[in-house]
Amino acid sequence: MKLYQEFSDLREHFEILAFHDPSAKDFAKLDPKLLKFRKHLWKGKDLPFPILLDSTGKTVKTYGISGFPTLILINPDGKVVRGGSDRMLEQKLKAIRKHNEVLRRKESPRRKQV
């Protein structure tokens, strides 16, 4: 949740999706499981990004997800950029921010005083 807020200036460059384990077949079964996360990790708040329910396990298997909840970073083209821990996503988002700053500097007109 911290990453989502800390990198809000990059919202046009990414989306974070959280996957929960396939043991919950519907949201009625998922909601009680999320209570402990909401209380301890999210400080009583809901996540600002979607939590996806993979009731068949197909998506979890496709992406090789083994820990839950897992976060996946998706670029504007819908491609997976990185998945894993908050720390891994933070590193990638910092790299995106740095790249964007370099591009902005190149695009801004150079000023000269004469």
PDB file of N, CA and C in Angstrom:
ATOM      1  N   MET A   1       0.831  -1.178   0.000  1.00  0.00           N
ATOM      2  CA  MET A   1       0.000   0.000   0.000  1.00  0.00           C
ATOM      3  C   MET A   1       0.883   1.251   0.000  1.00  0.00           C
ATOM      4  N   LYS A   2       1.976   1.197   0.729  1.00  0.00           N
ATOM      5  CA  LYS A   2       2.914   2.318   0.789  1.00  0.00           C
ATOM      6  C   LYS A   2       3.454   2.636  -0.611  1.00  0.00           C
ATOM      7  N   LEU A   3       3.794   1.585  -1.357  1.00  0.00           N
ATOM      8  CA  LEU A   3       4.322   1.781  -2.717  1.00  0.00           C
ATOM      9  C   LEU A   3       3.320   2.489  -3.611  1.00  0.00           C
ATOM     10  N   TYR A   4       2.087   2.086  -3.496  1.00  0.00           N
ATOM     11  CA  TYR A   4       1.037   2.648  -4.332  1.00  0.00           C
ATOM     12  C   TYR A   4       0.930   4.148  -4.109  1.00  0.00           C
ATOM     13  N   GLN A   5       1.060   4.565  -2.845  1.00  0.00           N
ATOM     14  CA  GLN A   5       0.976   5.986  -2.512  1.00  0.00           C
ATOM     15  C   GLN A   5       2.287   6.708  -2.819  1.00  0.00           C
ATOM     16  N   GLU A   6       3.402   6.084  -2.481  1.00  0.00           N
ATOM     17  CA  GLU A   6       4.714   6.708  -2.675  1.00  0.00           C
ATOM     18  C   GLU A   6       5.003   6.995  -4.142  1.00  0.00           C
ATOM     19  N   PHE A   7       4.511   6.138  -5.018  1.00  0.00           N
ATOM     20  CA  PHE A   7       4.790   6.293  -6.448  1.00  0.00           C
ATOM     21  C   PHE A   7       3.543   6.747  -7.217  1.00  0.00           C
ATOM     22  N   SER A   8       2.686   7.518  -6.552  1.00  0.00           N
ATOM     23  CA  SER A   8       1.453   7.977  -7.202  1.00  0.00           C
ATOM     24  C   SER A   8       1.743   8.838  -8.435  1.00  0.00           C
ATOM     25  N   ASP A   9       2.923   9.475  -8.469  1.00  0.00           N
ATOM     26  CA  ASP A   9       3.287  10.273  -9.639  1.00  0.00           C
ATOM     27  C   ASP A   9       3.534   9.421 -10.877  1.00  0.00           C
ATOM     28  N   LEU A  10       3.649   8.123 -10.689  1.00  0.00           N
ATOM     29  CA  LEU A  10       3.897   7.206 -11.812  1.00  0.00           C
ATOM     30  C   LEU A  10       2.661   6.384 -12.183  1.00  0.00           C
ATOM     31  N   ARG A  11       1.498   6.750 -11.671  1.00  0.00           N
ATOM     32  CA  ARG A  11       0.289   5.938 -11.869  1.00  0.00           C
ATOM     33  C   ARG A  11      -0.018   5.651 -13.337  1.00  0.00           C
ATOM     34  N   GLU A  12       0.382   6.526 -14.230  1.00  0.00           N
ATOM     35  CA  GLU A  12       0.128   6.259 -15.644  1.00  0.00           C
ATOM     36  C   GLU A  12       1.070   5.190 -16.189  1.00  0.00           C
ATOM     37  N   HIS A  13       2.087   4.813 -15.415  1.00  0.00           N
ATOM     38  CA  HIS A  13       3.086   3.855 -15.866  1.00  0.00           C
ATOM     39  C   HIS A  13       2.941   2.467 -15.262  1.00  0.00           C
ATOM     40  N   PHE A  14       2.043   2.293 -14.297  1.00  0.00           N
ATOM     41  CA  PHE A  14       1.934   0.983 -13.676  1.00  0.00           C
ATOM     42  C   PHE A  14       0.577   0.754 -13.023  1.00  0.00           C
ATOM     43  N   GLU A  15       0.303  -0.497 -12.792  1.00  0.00           N
ATOM     44  CA  GLU A  15      -0.827  -0.929 -11.981  1.00  0.00           C
ATOM     45  C   GLU A  15      -0.325  -2.075 -11.131  1.00  0.00           C
ATOM     46  N   ILE A  16      -0.787  -2.149  -9.913  1.00  0.00           N
ATOM     47  CA  ILE A  16      -0.440  -3.261  -9.040  1.00  0.00           C
ATOM     48  C   ILE A  16      -1.690  -4.100  -8.850  1.00  0.00           C
ATOM     49  N   LEU A  17      -1.528  -5.397  -9.000  1.00  0.00           N
ATOM     50  CA  LEU A  17      -2.609  -6.342  -8.741  1.00  0.00           C
ATOM     51  C   LEU A  17      -2.146  -7.300  -7.662  1.00  0.00           C
ATOM     52  N   ALA A  18      -3.026  -7.613  -6.739  1.00  0.00           N
ATOM     53  CA  ALA A  18      -2.697  -8.579  -5.692  1.00  0.00           C
ATOM     54  C   ALA A  18      -3.487  -9.854  -5.967  1.00  0.00           C
ATOM     55  N   PHE A  19      -2.802 -10.989  -5.926  1.00  0.00           N
ATOM     56  CA  PHE A  19      -3.460 -12.280  -6.098  1.00  0.00           C
ATOM     57  C   PHE A  19      -3.551 -12.968  -4.753  1.00  0.00           C
ATOM     58  N   HIS A  20      -4.698 -13.560  -4.496  1.00  0.00           N
ATOM     59  CA  HIS A  20      -4.845 -14.345  -3.285  1.00  0.00           C
ATOM     60  C   HIS A  20      -4.887 -15.813  -3.674  1.00  0.00           C
ATOM     61  N   ASP A  21      -4.586 -16.662  -2.713  1.00  0.00           N
ATOM     62  CA  ASP A  21      -4.486 -18.092  -3.002  1.00  0.00           C
ATOM     63  C   ASP A  21      -5.813 -18.669  -3.491  1.00  0.00           C
ATOM     64  N   PRO A  22      -5.754 -19.717  -4.291  1.00  0.00           N
ATOM     65  CA  PRO A  22      -6.965 -20.295  -4.886  1.00  0.00           C
ATOM     66  C   PRO A  22      -7.828 -21.112  -3.921  1.00  0.00           C
ATOM     67  N   SER A  23      -7.471 -21.165  -2.641  1.00  0.00           N
ATOM     68  CA  SER A  23      -8.302 -21.925  -1.695  1.00  0.00           C
ATOM     69  C   SER A  23      -9.645 -21.234  -1.466  1.00  0.00           C
ATOM     70  N   ALA A  24      -9.706 -19.936  -1.656  1.00  0.00           N
ATOM     71  CA  ALA A  24     -10.969 -19.209  -1.544  1.00  0.00           C
ATOM     72  C   ALA A  24     -11.637 -19.227  -2.918  1.00  0.00           C
ATOM     73  N   LYS A  25     -12.779 -19.847  -2.996  1.00  0.00           N
ATOM     74  CA  LYS A  25     -13.458 -19.994  -4.287  1.00  0.00           C
ATOM     75  C   LYS A  25     -14.385 -18.832  -4.617  1.00  0.00           C
ATOM     76  N   ASP A  26     -14.670 -17.987  -3.634  1.00  0.00           N
ATOM     77  CA  ASP A  26     -15.487 -16.803  -3.875  1.00  0.00           C
ATOM     78  C   ASP A  26     -15.117 -15.730  -2.847  1.00  0.00           C
ATOM     79  N   PHE A  27     -15.630 -14.521  -3.050  1.00  0.00           N
ATOM     80  CA  PHE A  27     -15.242 -13.418  -2.174  1.00  0.00           C
ATOM     81  C   PHE A  27     -15.806 -13.577  -0.763  1.00  0.00           C
ATOM     82  N   ALA A  28     -16.904 -14.282  -0.614  1.00  0.00           N
ATOM     83  CA  ALA A  28     -17.438 -14.526   0.728  1.00  0.00           C
ATOM     84  C   ALA A  28     -16.439 -15.333   1.556  1.00  0.00           C
ATOM     85  N   LYS A  29     -15.690 -16.224   0.913  1.00  0.00           N
ATOM     86  CA  LYS A  29     -14.670 -17.011   1.618  1.00  0.00           C
ATOM     87  C   LYS A  29     -13.343 -16.260   1.711  1.00  0.00           C
ATOM     88  N   LEU A  30     -13.103 -15.346   0.780  1.00  0.00           N
ATOM     89  CA  LEU A  30     -11.858 -14.592   0.781  1.00  0.00           C
ATOM     90  C   LEU A  30     -11.853 -13.499   1.854  1.00  0.00           C
ATOM     91  N   ASP A  31     -12.961 -12.810   2.018  1.00  0.00           N
ATOM     92  CA  ASP A  31     -13.022 -11.669   2.930  1.00  0.00           C
ATOM     93  C   ASP A  31     -12.543 -11.989   4.349  1.00  0.00           C
ATOM     94  N   PRO A  32     -12.969 -13.097   4.970  1.00  0.00           N
ATOM     95  CA  PRO A  32     -12.449 -13.396   6.317  1.00  0.00           C
ATOM     96  C   PRO A  32     -10.935 -13.626   6.335  1.00  0.00           C
ATOM     97  N   LYS A  33     -10.388 -14.174   5.252  1.00  0.00           N
ATOM     98  CA  LYS A  33      -8.942 -14.402   5.175  1.00  0.00           C
ATOM     99  C   LYS A  33      -8.172 -13.086   5.108  1.00  0.00           C
ATOM    100  N   LEU A  34      -8.799 -12.078   4.510  1.00  0.00           N
ATOM    101  CA  LEU A  34      -8.134 -10.793   4.355  1.00  0.00           C
ATOM    102  C   LEU A  34      -8.160  -9.947   5.625  1.00  0.00           C
ATOM    103  N   LEU A  35      -9.010 -10.312   6.586  1.00  0.00           N
ATOM    104  CA  LEU A  35      -9.122  -9.532   7.815  1.00  0.00           C
ATOM    105  C   LEU A  35      -7.786  -9.399   8.543  1.00  0.00           C
ATOM    106  N   LYS A  36      -7.039 -10.493   8.662  1.00  0.00           N
ATOM    107  CA  LYS A  36      -5.759 -10.417   9.372  1.00  0.00           C
ATOM    108  C   LYS A  36      -4.755  -9.535   8.635  1.00  0.00           C
ATOM    109  N   PHE A  37      -4.758  -9.589   7.312  1.00  0.00           N
ATOM    110  CA  PHE A  37      -3.871  -8.717   6.535  1.00  0.00           C
ATOM    111  C   PHE A  37      -4.285  -7.255   6.712  1.00  0.00           C
ATOM    112  N   ARG A  38      -5.600  -7.025   6.619  1.00  0.00           N
ATOM    113  CA  ARG A  38      -6.110  -5.660   6.754  1.00  0.00           C
ATOM    114  C   ARG A  38      -5.737  -5.091   8.123  1.00  0.00           C
ATOM    115  N   LYS A  39      -5.844  -5.885   9.146  1.00  0.00           N
ATOM    116  CA  LYS A  39      -5.567  -5.421  10.508  1.00  0.00           C
ATOM    117  C   LYS A  39      -4.069  -5.198  10.742  1.00  0.00           C
ATOM    118  N   HIS A  40      -3.244  -6.154  10.381  1.00  0.00           N
ATOM    119  CA  HIS A  40      -1.824  -6.102  10.732  1.00  0.00           C
ATOM    120  C   HIS A  40      -0.938  -5.427   9.685  1.00  0.00           C
ATOM    121  N   LEU A  41      -1.147  -5.726   8.434  1.00  0.00           N
ATOM    122  CA  LEU A  41      -0.273  -5.185   7.386  1.00  0.00           C
ATOM    123  C   LEU A  41      -0.777  -3.877   6.793  1.00  0.00           C
ATOM    124  N   TRP A  42      -2.085  -3.728   6.699  1.00  0.00           N
ATOM    125  CA  TRP A  42      -2.650  -2.580   6.000  1.00  0.00           C
ATOM    126  C   TRP A  42      -3.221  -1.538   6.959  1.00  0.00           C
ATOM    127  N   LYS A  43      -2.953  -1.691   8.246  1.00  0.00           N
ATOM    128  CA  LYS A  43      -3.359  -0.725   9.280  1.00  0.00           C
ATOM    129  C   LYS A  43      -4.854  -0.435   9.251  1.00  0.00           C
ATOM    130  N   GLY A  44      -5.652  -1.480   9.067  1.00  0.00           N
ATOM    131  CA  GLY A  44      -7.104  -1.357   9.110  1.00  0.00           C
ATOM    132  C   GLY A  44      -7.755  -0.823   7.860  1.00  0.00           C
ATOM    133  N   LYS A  45      -6.971  -0.551   6.825  1.00  0.00           N
ATOM    134  CA  LYS A  45      -7.511   0.026   5.591  1.00  0.00           C
ATOM    135  C   LYS A  45      -7.630  -1.041   4.512  1.00  0.00           C
ATOM    136  N   ASP A  46      -8.482  -0.758   3.547  1.00  0.00           N
ATOM    137  CA  ASP A  46      -8.562  -1.611   2.365  1.00  0.00           C
ATOM    138  C   ASP A  46      -7.400  -1.260   1.445  1.00  0.00           C
ATOM    139  N   LEU A  47      -7.007  -2.207   0.610  1.00  0.00           N
ATOM    140  CA  LEU A  47      -5.958  -1.926  -0.367  1.00  0.00           C
ATOM    141  C   LEU A  47      -6.491  -0.967  -1.424  1.00  0.00           C
ATOM    142  N   PRO A  48      -5.645  -0.061  -1.912  1.00  0.00           N
ATOM    143  CA  PRO A  48      -6.085   0.875  -2.949  1.00  0.00           C
ATOM    144  C   PRO A  48      -6.020   0.275  -4.351  1.00  0.00           C
ATOM    145  N   PHE A  49      -5.584  -0.978  -4.456  1.00  0.00           N
ATOM    146  CA  PHE A  49      -5.512  -1.641  -5.752  1.00  0.00           C
ATOM    147  C   PHE A  49      -6.285  -2.957  -5.682  1.00  0.00           C
ATOM    148  N   PRO A  50      -6.614  -3.534  -6.833  1.00  0.00           N
ATOM    149  CA  PRO A  50      -7.460  -4.731  -6.860  1.00  0.00           C
ATOM    150  C   PRO A  50      -6.798  -5.976  -6.271  1.00  0.00           C
ATOM    151  N   ILE A  51      -7.615  -6.758  -5.572  1.00  0.00           N
ATOM    152  CA  ILE A  51      -7.214  -8.091  -5.125  1.00  0.00           C
ATOM    153  C   ILE A  51      -7.981  -9.057  -6.025  1.00  0.00           C
ATOM    154  N   LEU A  52      -7.251  -9.873  -6.748  1.00  0.00           N
ATOM    155  CA  LEU A  52      -7.873 -10.789  -7.690  1.00  0.00           C
ATOM    156  C   LEU A  52      -8.035 -12.158  -7.063  1.00  0.00           C
ATOM    157  N   LEU A  53      -9.148 -12.756  -7.336  1.00  0.00           N
ATOM    158  CA  LEU A  53      -9.456 -14.086  -6.828  1.00  0.00           C
ATOM    159  C   LEU A  53      -9.293 -15.072  -7.973  1.00  0.00           C
ATOM    160  N   ASP A  54      -8.398 -16.006  -7.803  1.00  0.00           N
ATOM    161  CA  ASP A  54      -8.126 -17.022  -8.821  1.00  0.00           C
ATOM    162  C   ASP A  54      -8.683 -18.352  -8.329  1.00  0.00           C
ATOM    163  N   SER A  55      -9.981 -18.523  -8.472  1.00  0.00           N
ATOM    164  CA  SER A  55     -10.640 -19.697  -7.901  1.00  0.00           C
ATOM    165  C   SER A  55     -10.244 -21.007  -8.587  1.00  0.00           C
ATOM    166  N   THR A  56      -9.720 -20.929  -9.805  1.00  0.00           N
ATOM    167  CA  THR A  56      -9.319 -22.153 -10.510  1.00  0.00           C
ATOM    168  C   THR A  56      -7.841 -22.479 -10.298  1.00  0.00           C
ATOM    169  N   GLY A  57      -7.059 -21.475  -9.901  1.00  0.00           N
ATOM    170  CA  GLY A  57      -5.624 -21.671  -9.729  1.00  0.00           C
ATOM    171  C   GLY A  57      -4.838 -21.539 -11.024  1.00  0.00           C
ATOM    172  N   LYS A  58      -5.518 -21.307 -12.131  1.00  0.00           N
ATOM    173  CA  LYS A  58      -4.858 -21.229 -13.439  1.00  0.00           C
ATOM    174  C   LYS A  58      -3.884 -20.048 -13.525  1.00  0.00           C
ATOM    175  N   THR A  59      -4.309 -18.880 -13.086  1.00  0.00           N
ATOM    176  CA  THR A  59      -3.455 -17.695 -13.152  1.00  0.00           C
ATOM    177  C   THR A  59      -2.256 -17.846 -12.233  1.00  0.00           C
ATOM    178  N   VAL A  60      -2.499 -18.349 -11.040  1.00  0.00           N
ATOM    179  CA  VAL A  60      -1.422 -18.569 -10.068  1.00  0.00           C
ATOM    180  C   VAL A  60      -0.380 -19.513 -10.656  1.00  0.00           C
ATOM    181  N   LYS A  61      -0.818 -20.558 -11.317  1.00  0.00           N
ATOM    182  CA  LYS A  61       0.099 -21.524 -11.929  1.00  0.00           C
ATOM    183  C   LYS A  61       0.854 -20.900 -13.106  1.00  0.00           C
ATOM    184  N   THR A  62       0.135 -20.152 -13.940  1.00  0.00           N
ATOM    185  CA  THR A  62       0.748 -19.523 -15.113  1.00  0.00           C
ATOM    186  C   THR A  62       1.890 -18.594 -14.728  1.00  0.00           C
ATOM    187  N   TYR A  63       1.696 -17.808 -13.676  1.00  0.00           N
ATOM    188  CA  TYR A  63       2.711 -16.838 -13.260  1.00  0.00           C
ATOM    189  C   TYR A  63       3.679 -17.388 -12.222  1.00  0.00           C
ATOM    190  N   GLY A  64       3.507 -18.642 -11.836  1.00  0.00           N
ATOM    191  CA  GLY A  64       4.426 -19.250 -10.885  1.00  0.00           C
ATOM    192  C   GLY A  64       4.360 -18.639  -9.499  1.00  0.00           C
ATOM    193  N   ILE A  65       3.184 -18.194  -9.112  1.00  0.00           N
ATOM    194  CA  ILE A  65       3.002 -17.565  -7.806  1.00  0.00           C
ATOM    195  C   ILE A  65       2.984 -18.639  -6.729  1.00  0.00           C
ATOM    196  N   SER A  66       3.796 -18.431  -5.690  1.00  0.00           N
ATOM    197  CA  SER A  66       3.863 -19.439  -4.625  1.00  0.00           C
ATOM    198  C   SER A  66       3.601 -18.870  -3.237  1.00  0.00           C
ATOM    199  N   GLY A  67       3.645 -17.562  -3.070  1.00  0.00           N
ATOM    200  CA  GLY A  67       3.374 -16.934  -1.784  1.00  0.00           C
ATOM    201  C   GLY A  67       2.183 -16.001  -1.897  1.00  0.00           C
ATOM    202  N   PHE A  68       1.447 -15.866  -0.817  1.00  0.00           N
ATOM    203  CA  PHE A  68       0.230 -15.049  -0.880  1.00  0.00           C
ATOM    204  C   PHE A  68       0.153 -14.099   0.292  1.00  0.00           C
ATOM    205  N   PRO A  69      -0.398 -12.910   0.086  1.00  0.00           N
ATOM    206  CA  PRO A  69      -0.735 -12.364  -1.223  1.00  0.00           C
ATOM    207  C   PRO A  69       0.522 -11.988  -2.001  1.00  0.00           C
ATOM    208  N   THR A  70       0.448 -12.078  -3.314  1.00  0.00           N
ATOM    209  CA  THR A  70       1.557 -11.733  -4.207  1.00  0.00           C
ATOM    210  C   THR A  70       1.169 -10.492  -4.997  1.00  0.00           C
ATOM    211  N   LEU A  71       2.114  -9.600  -5.190  1.00  0.00           N
ATOM    212  CA  LEU A  71       1.884  -8.386  -5.965  1.00  0.00           C
ATOM    213  C   LEU A  71       2.561  -8.512  -7.321  1.00  0.00           C
ATOM    214  N   ILE A  72       1.894  -8.016  -8.349  1.00  0.00           N
ATOM    215  CA  ILE A  72       2.444  -8.041  -9.704  1.00  0.00           C
ATOM    216  C   ILE A  72       2.336  -6.640 -10.268  1.00  0.00           C
ATOM    217  N   LEU A  73       3.426  -6.163 -10.856  1.00  0.00           N
ATOM    218  CA  LEU A  73       3.481  -4.840 -11.469  1.00  0.00           C
ATOM    219  C   LEU A  73       3.201  -4.996 -12.958  1.00  0.00           C
ATOM    220  N   ILE A  74       2.234  -4.234 -13.463  1.00  0.00           N
ATOM    221  CA  ILE A  74       1.829  -4.315 -14.863  1.00  0.00           C
ATOM    222  C   ILE A  74       1.994  -2.945 -15.506  1.00  0.00           C
ATOM    223  N   ASN A  75       2.619  -2.926 -16.699  1.00  0.00           N
ATOM    224  CA  ASN A  75       2.836  -1.648 -17.376  1.00  0.00           C
ATOM    225  C   ASN A  75       1.586  -1.239 -18.162  1.00  0.00           C
ATOM    226  N   PRO A  76       1.572  -0.016 -18.736  1.00  0.00           N
ATOM    227  CA  PRO A  76       0.382   0.460 -19.452  1.00  0.00           C
ATOM    228  C   PRO A  76      -0.021  -0.401 -20.640  1.00  0.00           C
ATOM    229  N   ASP A  77       0.911  -1.196 -21.166  1.00  0.00           N
ATOM    230  CA  ASP A  77       0.586  -2.084 -22.291  1.00  0.00           C
ATOM    231  C   ASP A  77      -0.006  -3.409 -21.824  1.00  0.00           C
ATOM    232  N   GLY A  78      -0.151  -3.571 -20.513  1.00  0.00           N
ATOM    233  CA  GLY A  78      -0.718  -4.799 -19.976  1.00  0.00           C
ATOM    234  C   GLY A  78       0.296  -5.910 -19.778  1.00  0.00           C
ATOM    235  N   LYS A  79       1.571  -5.588 -19.900  1.00  0.00           N
ATOM    236  CA  LYS A  79       2.623  -6.599 -19.748  1.00  0.00           C
ATOM    237  C   LYS A  79       3.115  -6.629 -18.302  1.00  0.00           C
ATOM    238  N   VAL A  80       3.390  -7.829 -17.815  1.00  0.00           N
ATOM    239  CA  VAL A  80       3.934  -7.983 -16.476  1.00  0.00           C
ATOM    240  C   VAL A  80       5.374  -7.500 -16.476  1.00  0.00           C
ATOM    241  N   VAL A  81       5.672  -6.547 -15.611  1.00  0.00           N
ATOM    242  CA  VAL A  81       7.014  -5.989 -15.501  1.00  0.00           C
ATOM    243  C   VAL A  81       7.779  -6.739 -14.423  1.00  0.00           C
ATOM    244  N   ARG A  82       7.124  -6.972 -13.320  1.00  0.00           N
ATOM    245  CA  ARG A  82       7.789  -7.623 -12.200  1.00  0.00           C
ATOM    246  C   ARG A  82       6.742  -8.114 -11.223  1.00  0.00           C
ATOM    247  N   GLY A  83       7.055  -9.168 -10.557  1.00  0.00           N
ATOM    248  CA  GLY A  83       6.187  -9.674  -9.517  1.00  0.00           C
ATOM    249  C   GLY A  83       7.021 -10.023  -8.317  1.00  0.00           C
ATOM    250  N   GLY A  84       6.383 -10.106  -7.179  1.00  0.00           N
ATOM    251  CA  GLY A  84       7.105 -10.513  -5.990  1.00  0.00           C
ATOM    252  C   GLY A  84       6.851  -9.635  -4.798  1.00  0.00           C
ATOM    253  N   SER A  85       7.906  -9.339  -4.089  1.00  0.00           N
ATOM    254  CA  SER A  85       7.793  -8.617  -2.831  1.00  0.00           C
ATOM    255  C   SER A  85       7.661  -7.107  -3.051  1.00  0.00           C
ATOM    256  N   ASP A  86       7.278  -6.419  -1.984  1.00  0.00           N
ATOM    257  CA  ASP A  86       7.226  -4.960  -2.031  1.00  0.00           C
ATOM    258  C   ASP A  86       8.582  -4.384  -2.411  1.00  0.00           C
ATOM    259  N   ARG A  87       9.637  -4.980  -1.876  1.00  0.00           N
ATOM    260  CA  ARG A  87      10.992  -4.473  -2.133  1.00  0.00           C
ATOM    261  C   ARG A  87      11.356  -4.575  -3.621  1.00  0.00           C
ATOM    262  N   MET A  88      11.016  -5.698  -4.248  1.00  0.00           N
ATOM    263  CA  MET A  88      11.294  -5.864  -5.673  1.00  0.00           C
ATOM    264  C   MET A  88      10.520  -4.835  -6.499  1.00  0.00           C
ATOM    265  N   LEU A  89       9.249  -4.630  -6.149  1.00  0.00           N
ATOM    266  CA  LEU A  89       8.442  -3.659  -6.879  1.00  0.00           C
ATOM    267  C   LEU A  89       8.963  -2.243  -6.665  1.00  0.00           C
ATOM    268  N   GLU A  90       9.391  -1.947  -5.446  1.00  0.00           N
ATOM    269  CA  GLU A  90       9.937  -0.627  -5.156  1.00  0.00           C
ATOM    270  C   GLU A  90      11.176  -0.350  -6.007  1.00  0.00           C
ATOM    271  N   GLN A  91      12.045  -1.335  -6.149  1.00  0.00           N
ATOM    272  CA  GLN A  91      13.246  -1.171  -6.967  1.00  0.00           C
ATOM    273  C   GLN A  91      12.875  -0.869  -8.421  1.00  0.00           C
ATOM    274  N   LYS A  92      11.914  -1.589  -8.940  1.00  0.00           N
ATOM    275  CA  LYS A  92      11.489  -1.382 -10.325  1.00  0.00           C
ATOM    276  C   LYS A  92      10.853  -0.008 -10.506  1.00  0.00           C
ATOM    277  N   LEU A  93      10.017   0.404  -9.550  1.00  0.00           N
ATOM    278  CA  LEU A  93       9.365   1.703  -9.647  1.00  0.00           C
ATOM    279  C   LEU A  93      10.383   2.849  -9.543  1.00  0.00           C
ATOM    280  N   LYS A  94      11.398   2.678  -8.729  1.00  0.00           N
ATOM    281  CA  LYS A  94      12.454   3.686  -8.636  1.00  0.00           C
ATOM    282  C   LYS A  94      13.191   3.798  -9.969  1.00  0.00           C
ATOM    283  N   ALA A  95      13.414   2.661 -10.615  1.00  0.00           N
ATOM    284  CA  ALA A  95      14.075   2.664 -11.925  1.00  0.00           C
ATOM    285  C   ALA A  95      13.198   3.371 -12.965  1.00  0.00           C
ATOM    286  N   ILE A  96      11.900   3.150 -12.916  1.00  0.00           N
ATOM    287  CA  ILE A  96      10.978   3.824 -13.844  1.00  0.00           C
ATOM    288  C   ILE A  96      11.009   5.323 -13.594  1.00  0.00           C
ATOM    289  N   ARG A  97      10.985   5.727 -12.321  1.00  0.00           N
ATOM    290  CA  ARG A  97      11.011   7.147 -11.979  1.00  0.00           C
ATOM    291  C   ARG A  97      12.300   7.790 -12.494  1.00  0.00           C
ATOM    292  N   LYS A  98      13.423   7.130 -12.288  1.00  0.00           N
ATOM    293  CA  LYS A  98      14.718   7.664 -12.735  1.00  0.00           C
ATOM    294  C   LYS A  98      14.748   7.794 -14.257  1.00  0.00           C
ATOM    295  N   HIS A  99      14.255   6.784 -14.947  1.00  0.00           N
ATOM    296  CA  HIS A  99      14.199   6.808 -16.411  1.00  0.00           C
ATOM    297  C   HIS A  99      13.340   7.977 -16.889  1.00  0.00           C
ATOM    298  N   ASN A 100      12.198   8.187 -16.258  1.00  0.00           N
ATOM    299  CA  ASN A 100      11.315   9.290 -16.637  1.00  0.00           C
ATOM    300  C   ASN A 100      11.975  10.640 -16.401  1.00  0.00           C
ATOM    301  N   GLU A 101      12.731  10.770 -15.307  1.00  0.00           N
ATOM    302  CA  GLU A 101      13.437  12.027 -15.027  1.00  0.00           C
ATOM    303  C   GLU A 101      14.488  12.307 -16.094  1.00  0.00           C
ATOM    304  N   VAL A 102      15.189  11.280 -16.518  1.00  0.00           N
ATOM    305  CA  VAL A 102      16.190  11.436 -17.579  1.00  0.00           C
ATOM    306  C   VAL A 102      15.514  11.884 -18.873  1.00  0.00           C
ATOM    307  N   LEU A 103      14.388  11.269 -19.209  1.00  0.00           N
ATOM    308  CA  LEU A 103      13.662  11.660 -20.424  1.00  0.00           C
ATOM    309  C   LEU A 103      13.168  13.091 -20.350  1.00  0.00           C
ATOM    310  N   ARG A 104      12.666  13.504 -19.194  1.00  0.00           N
ATOM    311  CA  ARG A 104      12.180  14.882 -19.041  1.00  0.00           C
ATOM    312  C   ARG A 104      13.316  15.890 -19.226  1.00  0.00           C
ATOM    313  N   ARG A 105      14.480  15.556 -18.680  1.00  0.00           N
ATOM    314  CA  ARG A 105      15.625  16.460 -18.828  1.00  0.00           C
ATOM    315  C   ARG A 105      16.034  16.586 -20.291  1.00  0.00           C
ATOM    316  N   LYS A 106      15.972  15.492 -21.014  1.00  0.00           N
ATOM    317  CA  LYS A 106      16.349  15.517 -22.436  1.00  0.00           C
ATOM    318  C   LYS A 106      15.340  16.314 -23.254  1.00  0.00           C
ATOM    319  N   GLU A 107      14.057  16.252 -22.864  1.00  0.00           N
ATOM    320  CA  GLU A 107      13.014  16.929 -23.615  1.00  0.00           C
ATOM    321  C   GLU A 107      12.909  18.411 -23.300  1.00  0.00           C
ATOM    322  N   SER A 108      13.311  18.824 -22.106  1.00  0.00           N
ATOM    323  CA  SER A 108      13.168  20.232 -21.732  1.00  0.00           C
ATOM    324  C   SER A 108      14.197  21.072 -22.497  1.00  0.00           C
ATOM    325  N   PRO A 109      13.763  22.239 -22.973  1.00  0.00           N
ATOM    326  CA  PRO A 109      14.693  23.093 -23.739  1.00  0.00           C
ATOM    327  C   PRO A 109      15.824  23.595 -22.830  1.00  0.00           C
ATOM    328  N   ARG A 110      16.988  23.636 -23.393  1.00  0.00           N
ATOM    329  CA  ARG A 110      18.144  24.130 -22.649  1.00  0.00           C
ATOM    330  C   ARG A 110      18.123  25.653 -22.700  1.00  0.00           C
ATOM    331  N   ARG A 111      18.395  26.242 -21.573  1.00  0.00           N
ATOM    332  CA  ARG A 111      18.389  27.705 -21.501  1.00  0.00           C
ATOM    333  C   ARG A 111      19.827  28.211 -21.472  1.00  0.00           C
ATOM    334  N   LYS A 112      20.014  29.291 -22.190  1.00  0.00           N
ATOM    335  CA  LYS A 112      21.327  29.928 -22.187  1.00  0.00           C
ATOM    336  C   LYS A 112      21.119  31.409 -21.921  1.00  0.00           C
ATOM    337  N   GLN A 113      21.976  31.946 -21.095  1.00  0.00           N
ATOM    338  CA  GLN A 113      21.925  33.361 -20.838  1.00  0.00           C
ATOM    339  C   GLN A 113      23.038  34.013 -21.667  1.00  0.00           C
ATOM    340  N   VAL A 114      22.672  35.046 -22.413  1.00  0.00           N
ATOM    341  CA  VAL A 114      23.667  35.727 -23.244  1.00  0.00           C
ATOM    342  C   VAL A 114      23.839  37.155 -22.822  1.00  0.00           C
TER     343      VAL A 114
END
